[in-house]
Amino acid sequence: MRRGLILRIIGGLGSAVAEVTSERMPAKLKRIGVRDVFGKSGTNEEMKKKFGLRSEDIAEEVVSFLES
């Protein structure tokens, strides 16, 4: 049986959640979010595109993750 868990976490909690999840329910985990980078400015759409957070970007990451 193949199990996987996909979470989208905002606020730098990715490592803590991954640690608890791996201890209580071992499964593949993919963290998707904005990396720790210097601030940028632009429209909402420009920023989502730059950081790969548009729905199509996230869907592509999920598909790639599930196929791996």
PDB file of N, CA and C in Angstrom:
ATOM      1  N   MET A   1       0.835  -1.171   0.000  1.00  0.00           N
ATOM      2  CA  MET A   1       0.000   0.000   0.000  1.00  0.00           C
ATOM      3  C   MET A   1       0.888   1.246   0.000  1.00  0.00           C
ATOM      4  N   ARG A   2       0.612   2.167  -0.873  1.00  0.00           N
ATOM      5  CA  ARG A   2       1.392   3.395  -0.993  1.00  0.00           C
ATOM      6  C   ARG A   2       0.644   4.530  -0.315  1.00  0.00           C
ATOM      7  N   ARG A   3       1.304   5.171   0.632  1.00  0.00           N
ATOM      8  CA  ARG A   3       0.694   6.300   1.313  1.00  0.00           C
ATOM      9  C   ARG A   3       1.539   7.533   1.082  1.00  0.00           C
ATOM     10  N   GLY A   4       0.907   8.653   0.983  1.00  0.00           N
ATOM     11  CA  GLY A   4       1.626   9.904   0.842  1.00  0.00           C
ATOM     12  C   GLY A   4       0.854  11.007   1.520  1.00  0.00           C
ATOM     13  N   LEU A   5       1.561  12.033   1.896  1.00  0.00           N
ATOM     14  CA  LEU A   5       0.942  13.160   2.555  1.00  0.00           C
ATOM     15  C   LEU A   5       1.502  14.421   1.923  1.00  0.00           C
ATOM     16  N   ILE A   6       0.615  15.306   1.530  1.00  0.00           N
ATOM     17  CA  ILE A   6       1.029  16.566   0.939  1.00  0.00           C
ATOM     18  C   ILE A   6       0.491  17.685   1.809  1.00  0.00           C
ATOM     19  N   LEU A   7       1.379  18.521   2.286  1.00  0.00           N
ATOM     20  CA  LEU A   7       0.990  19.641   3.125  1.00  0.00           C
ATOM     21  C   LEU A   7       1.495  20.932   2.513  1.00  0.00           C
ATOM     22  N   ARG A   8       0.756  21.982   2.682  1.00  0.00           N
ATOM     23  CA  ARG A   8       1.229  23.316   2.311  1.00  0.00           C
ATOM     24  C   ARG A   8       1.246  24.115   3.593  1.00  0.00           C
ATOM     25  N   ILE A   9       2.424  24.498   4.019  1.00  0.00           N
ATOM     26  CA  ILE A   9       2.577  25.132   5.316  1.00  0.00           C
ATOM     27  C   ILE A   9       3.184  26.510   5.130  1.00  0.00           C
ATOM     28  N   ILE A  10       2.583  27.493   5.748  1.00  0.00           N
ATOM     29  CA  ILE A  10       3.064  28.866   5.674  1.00  0.00           C
ATOM     30  C   ILE A  10       3.611  29.248   7.036  1.00  0.00           C
ATOM     31  N   GLY A  11       4.740  29.924   7.059  1.00  0.00           N
ATOM     32  CA  GLY A  11       5.240  30.446   8.316  1.00  0.00           C
ATOM     33  C   GLY A  11       6.444  29.725   8.875  1.00  0.00           C
ATOM     34  N   GLY A  12       7.136  28.910   8.084  1.00  0.00           N
ATOM     35  CA  GLY A  12       8.346  28.276   8.559  1.00  0.00           C
ATOM     36  C   GLY A  12       8.130  27.082   9.456  1.00  0.00           C
ATOM     37  N   LEU A  13       6.964  26.495   9.438  1.00  0.00           N
ATOM     38  CA  LEU A  13       6.675  25.341  10.293  1.00  0.00           C
ATOM     39  C   LEU A  13       6.951  24.011   9.599  1.00  0.00           C
ATOM     40  N   GLY A  14       7.438  24.069   8.371  1.00  0.00           N
ATOM     41  CA  GLY A  14       7.615  22.846   7.580  1.00  0.00           C
ATOM     42  C   GLY A  14       8.437  21.775   8.269  1.00  0.00           C
ATOM     43  N   SER A  15       9.576  22.130   8.835  1.00  0.00           N
ATOM     44  CA  SER A  15      10.446  21.143   9.480  1.00  0.00           C
ATOM     45  C   SER A  15       9.785  20.512  10.692  1.00  0.00           C
ATOM     46  N   ALA A  16       9.137  21.320  11.514  1.00  0.00           N
ATOM     47  CA  ALA A  16       8.477  20.793  12.715  1.00  0.00           C
ATOM     48  C   ALA A  16       7.351  19.845  12.350  1.00  0.00           C
ATOM     49  N   VAL A  17       6.544  20.225  11.382  1.00  0.00           N
ATOM     50  CA  VAL A  17       5.431  19.366  10.968  1.00  0.00           C
ATOM     51  C   VAL A  17       5.967  18.085  10.331  1.00  0.00           C
ATOM     52  N   ALA A  18       7.021  18.201   9.510  1.00  0.00           N
ATOM     53  CA  ALA A  18       7.615  17.017   8.882  1.00  0.00           C
ATOM     54  C   ALA A  18       8.139  16.049   9.944  1.00  0.00           C
ATOM     55  N   GLU A  19       8.755  16.580  10.977  1.00  0.00           N
ATOM     56  CA  GLU A  19       9.293  15.733  12.050  1.00  0.00           C
ATOM     57  C   GLU A  19       8.183  14.978  12.774  1.00  0.00           C
ATOM     58  N   VAL A  20       7.138  15.679  13.178  1.00  0.00           N
ATOM     59  CA  VAL A  20       6.030  15.037  13.882  1.00  0.00           C
ATOM     60  C   VAL A  20       5.330  14.031  12.974  1.00  0.00           C
ATOM     61  N   THR A  21       5.107  14.420  11.724  1.00  0.00           N
ATOM     62  CA  THR A  21       4.433  13.535  10.773  1.00  0.00           C
ATOM     63  C   THR A  21       5.232  12.254  10.562  1.00  0.00           C
ATOM     64  N   SER A  22       6.541  12.375  10.388  1.00  0.00           N
ATOM     65  CA  SER A  22       7.358  11.191  10.126  1.00  0.00           C
ATOM     66  C   SER A  22       7.384  10.243  11.320  1.00  0.00           C
ATOM     67  N   GLU A  23       7.251  10.786  12.521  1.00  0.00           N
ATOM     68  CA  GLU A  23       7.237   9.936  13.716  1.00  0.00           C
ATOM     69  C   GLU A  23       5.903   9.235  13.914  1.00  0.00           C
ATOM     70  N   ARG A  24       4.824   9.898  13.575  1.00  0.00           N
ATOM     71  CA  ARG A  24       3.490   9.364  13.868  1.00  0.00           C
ATOM     72  C   ARG A  24       2.820   8.672  12.692  1.00  0.00           C
ATOM     73  N   MET A  25       3.160   9.065  11.497  1.00  0.00           N
ATOM     74  CA  MET A  25       2.530   8.490  10.308  1.00  0.00           C
ATOM     75  C   MET A  25       3.537   8.532   9.156  1.00  0.00           C
ATOM     76  N   PRO A  26       4.514   7.631   9.169  1.00  0.00           N
ATOM     77  CA  PRO A  26       5.545   7.665   8.126  1.00  0.00           C
ATOM     78  C   PRO A  26       4.937   7.659   6.722  1.00  0.00           C
ATOM     79  N   ALA A  27       5.318   8.635   5.947  1.00  0.00           N
ATOM     80  CA  ALA A  27       4.815   8.769   4.585  1.00  0.00           C
ATOM     81  C   ALA A  27       5.736   9.717   3.827  1.00  0.00           C
ATOM     82  N   LYS A  28       5.640   9.687   2.521  1.00  0.00           N
ATOM     83  CA  LYS A  28       6.375  10.648   1.720  1.00  0.00           C
ATOM     84  C   LYS A  28       5.816  12.038   2.004  1.00  0.00           C
ATOM     85  N   LEU A  29       6.680  13.012   2.044  1.00  0.00           N
ATOM     86  CA  LEU A  29       6.260  14.368   2.361  1.00  0.00           C
ATOM     87  C   LEU A  29       6.930  15.335   1.395  1.00  0.00           C
ATOM     88  N   LYS A  30       6.157  16.233   0.861  1.00  0.00           N
ATOM     89  CA  LYS A  30       6.676  17.264  -0.038  1.00  0.00           C
ATOM     90  C   LYS A  30       6.295  18.611   0.533  1.00  0.00           C
ATOM     91  N   ARG A  31       7.285  19.445   0.815  1.00  0.00           N
ATOM     92  CA  ARG A  31       7.014  20.789   1.300  1.00  0.00           C
ATOM     93  C   ARG A  31       7.051  21.753   0.122  1.00  0.00           C
ATOM     94  N   ILE A  32       5.998  22.533  -0.010  1.00  0.00           N
ATOM     95  CA  ILE A  32       5.891  23.532  -1.080  1.00  0.00           C
ATOM     96  C   ILE A  32       5.680  24.872  -0.414  1.00  0.00           C
ATOM     97  N   GLY A  33       6.506  25.832  -0.740  1.00  0.00           N
ATOM     98  CA  GLY A  33       6.347  27.149  -0.140  1.00  0.00           C
ATOM     99  C   GLY A  33       7.428  28.093  -0.608  1.00  0.00           C
ATOM    100  N   VAL A  34       7.434  29.257  -0.035  1.00  0.00           N
ATOM    101  CA  VAL A  34       8.421  30.270  -0.379  1.00  0.00           C
ATOM    102  C   VAL A  34       9.684  29.992   0.421  1.00  0.00           C
ATOM    103  N   ARG A  35      10.798  29.910  -0.253  1.00  0.00           N
ATOM    104  CA  ARG A  35      12.077  29.695   0.408  1.00  0.00           C
ATOM    105  C   ARG A  35      12.498  30.973   1.131  1.00  0.00           C
ATOM    106  N   ASP A  36      13.460  30.845   1.992  1.00  0.00           N
ATOM    107  CA  ASP A  36      13.971  31.979   2.746  1.00  0.00           C
ATOM    108  C   ASP A  36      14.850  32.825   1.820  1.00  0.00           C
ATOM    109  N   VAL A  37      14.268  33.864   1.258  1.00  0.00           N
ATOM    110  CA  VAL A  37      14.974  34.740   0.315  1.00  0.00           C
ATOM    111  C   VAL A  37      14.704  36.195   0.677  1.00  0.00           C
ATOM    112  N   PHE A  38      15.508  37.087   0.132  1.00  0.00           N
ATOM    113  CA  PHE A  38      15.274  38.509   0.325  1.00  0.00           C
ATOM    114  C   PHE A  38      13.931  38.891  -0.282  1.00  0.00           C
ATOM    115  N   GLY A  39      13.298  39.878   0.294  1.00  0.00           N
ATOM    116  CA  GLY A  39      11.992  40.327  -0.168  1.00  0.00           C
ATOM    117  C   GLY A  39      12.006  40.816  -1.604  1.00  0.00           C
ATOM    118  N   LYS A  40      10.923  40.636  -2.267  1.00  0.00           N
ATOM    119  CA  LYS A  40      10.711  41.089  -3.640  1.00  0.00           C
ATOM    120  C   LYS A  40       9.413  41.869  -3.660  1.00  0.00           C
ATOM    121  N   SER A  41       9.203  42.598  -4.723  1.00  0.00           N
ATOM    122  CA  SER A  41       7.934  43.301  -4.850  1.00  0.00           C
ATOM    123  C   SER A  41       7.370  43.100  -6.237  1.00  0.00           C
ATOM    124  N   GLY A  42       6.066  43.171  -6.322  1.00  0.00           N
ATOM    125  CA  GLY A  42       5.355  42.998  -7.578  1.00  0.00           C
ATOM    126  C   GLY A  42       3.901  42.724  -7.288  1.00  0.00           C
ATOM    127  N   THR A  43       3.145  42.486  -8.343  1.00  0.00           N
ATOM    128  CA  THR A  43       1.739  42.171  -8.155  1.00  0.00           C
ATOM    129  C   THR A  43       1.614  40.773  -7.550  1.00  0.00           C
ATOM    130  N   ASN A  44       0.455  40.480  -7.032  1.00  0.00           N
ATOM    131  CA  ASN A  44       0.193  39.162  -6.467  1.00  0.00           C
ATOM    132  C   ASN A  44       0.513  38.066  -7.485  1.00  0.00           C
ATOM    133  N   GLU A  45       0.038  38.230  -8.708  1.00  0.00           N
ATOM    134  CA  GLU A  45       0.281  37.220  -9.746  1.00  0.00           C
ATOM    135  C   GLU A  45       1.766  37.094 -10.083  1.00  0.00           C
ATOM    136  N   GLU A  46       2.474  38.221 -10.154  1.00  0.00           N
ATOM    137  CA  GLU A  46       3.913  38.179 -10.444  1.00  0.00           C
ATOM    138  C   GLU A  46       4.674  37.415  -9.359  1.00  0.00           C
ATOM    139  N   MET A  47       4.298  37.651  -8.118  1.00  0.00           N
ATOM    140  CA  MET A  47       4.988  36.982  -7.016  1.00  0.00           C
ATOM    141  C   MET A  47       4.661  35.491  -6.973  1.00  0.00           C
ATOM    142  N   LYS A  48       3.396  35.141  -7.211  1.00  0.00           N
ATOM    143  CA  LYS A  48       3.037  33.719  -7.243  1.00  0.00           C
ATOM    144  C   LYS A  48       3.802  33.004  -8.353  1.00  0.00           C
ATOM    145  N   LYS A  49       3.926  33.657  -9.514  1.00  0.00           N
ATOM    146  CA  LYS A  49       4.671  33.057 -10.624  1.00  0.00           C
ATOM    147  C   LYS A  49       6.150  32.929 -10.272  1.00  0.00           C
ATOM    148  N   LYS A  50       6.741  33.985  -9.726  1.00  0.00           N
ATOM    149  CA  LYS A  50       8.166  33.979  -9.379  1.00  0.00           C
ATOM    150  C   LYS A  50       8.503  32.865  -8.399  1.00  0.00           C
ATOM    151  N   PHE A  51       7.642  32.654  -7.412  1.00  0.00           N
ATOM    152  CA  PHE A  51       7.928  31.676  -6.371  1.00  0.00           C
ATOM    153  C   PHE A  51       7.263  30.313  -6.598  1.00  0.00           C
ATOM    154  N   GLY A  52       6.638  30.125  -7.767  1.00  0.00           N
ATOM    155  CA  GLY A  52       6.044  28.827  -8.088  1.00  0.00           C
ATOM    156  C   GLY A  52       4.838  28.482  -7.246  1.00  0.00           C
ATOM    157  N   LEU A  53       4.022  29.483  -6.923  1.00  0.00           N
ATOM    158  CA  LEU A  53       2.874  29.249  -6.059  1.00  0.00           C
ATOM    159  C   LEU A  53       1.530  29.398  -6.764  1.00  0.00           C
ATOM    160  N   ARG A  54       1.551  29.447  -8.097  1.00  0.00           N
ATOM    161  CA  ARG A  54       0.282  29.447  -8.827  1.00  0.00           C
ATOM    162  C   ARG A  54      -0.292  28.028  -8.757  1.00  0.00           C
ATOM    163  N   SER A  55      -1.585  27.906  -8.941  1.00  0.00           N
ATOM    164  CA  SER A  55      -2.208  26.584  -8.835  1.00  0.00           C
ATOM    165  C   SER A  55      -1.577  25.594  -9.808  1.00  0.00           C
ATOM    166  N   GLU A  56      -1.247  26.043 -11.018  1.00  0.00           N
ATOM    167  CA  GLU A  56      -0.642  25.119 -11.979  1.00  0.00           C
ATOM    168  C   GLU A  56       0.773  24.711 -11.561  1.00  0.00           C
ATOM    169  N   ASP A  57       1.513  25.604 -10.899  1.00  0.00           N
ATOM    170  CA  ASP A  57       2.846  25.262 -10.405  1.00  0.00           C
ATOM    171  C   ASP A  57       2.757  24.216  -9.296  1.00  0.00           C
ATOM    172  N   ILE A  58       1.817  24.427  -8.383  1.00  0.00           N
ATOM    173  CA  ILE A  58       1.633  23.483  -7.283  1.00  0.00           C
ATOM    174  C   ILE A  58       1.168  22.135  -7.808  1.00  0.00           C
ATOM    175  N   ALA A  59       0.235  22.142  -8.761  1.00  0.00           N
ATOM    176  CA  ALA A  59      -0.244  20.889  -9.344  1.00  0.00           C
ATOM    177  C   ALA A  59       0.898  20.132 -10.008  1.00  0.00           C
ATOM    178  N   GLU A  60       1.777  20.832 -10.696  1.00  0.00           N
ATOM    179  CA  GLU A  60       2.924  20.203 -11.352  1.00  0.00           C
ATOM    180  C   GLU A  60       3.861  19.565 -10.302  1.00  0.00           C
ATOM    181  N   GLU A  61       4.091  20.278  -9.209  1.00  0.00           N
ATOM    182  CA  GLU A  61       4.927  19.737  -8.120  1.00  0.00           C
ATOM    183  C   GLU A  61       4.299  18.480  -7.530  1.00  0.00           C
ATOM    184  N   VAL A  62       2.991  18.508  -7.314  1.00  0.00           N
ATOM    185  CA  VAL A  62       2.299  17.368  -6.725  1.00  0.00           C
ATOM    186  C   VAL A  62       2.383  16.155  -7.649  1.00  0.00           C
ATOM    187  N   VAL A  63       2.103  16.349  -8.935  1.00  0.00           N
ATOM    188  CA  VAL A  63       2.169  15.243  -9.894  1.00  0.00           C
ATOM    189  C   VAL A  63       3.567  14.662  -9.946  1.00  0.00           C
ATOM    190  N   SER A  64       4.573  15.531 -10.028  1.00  0.00           N
ATOM    191  CA  SER A  64       5.957  15.078 -10.065  1.00  0.00           C
ATOM    192  C   SER A  64       6.308  14.295  -8.800  1.00  0.00           C
ATOM    193  N   PHE A  65       5.865  14.785  -7.666  1.00  0.00           N
ATOM    194  CA  PHE A  65       6.115  14.128  -6.382  1.00  0.00           C
ATOM    195  C   PHE A  65       5.458  12.747  -6.337  1.00  0.00           C
ATOM    196  N   LEU A  66       4.214  12.656  -6.766  1.00  0.00           N
ATOM    197  CA  LEU A  66       3.501  11.384  -6.714  1.00  0.00           C
ATOM    198  C   LEU A  66       4.056  10.366  -7.692  1.00  0.00           C
ATOM    199  N   GLU A  67       4.668  10.831  -8.781  1.00  0.00           N
ATOM    200  CA  GLU A  67       5.258   9.918  -9.771  1.00  0.00           C
ATOM    201  C   GLU A  67       6.641   9.453  -9.364  1.00  0.00           C
ATOM    202  N   SER A  68       7.255  10.100  -8.387  1.00  0.00           N
ATOM    203  CA  SER A  68       8.628   9.729  -7.983  1.00  0.00           C
ATOM    204  C   SER A  68       8.643   8.565  -7.019  1.00  0.00           C
TER     205      SER A  68
END
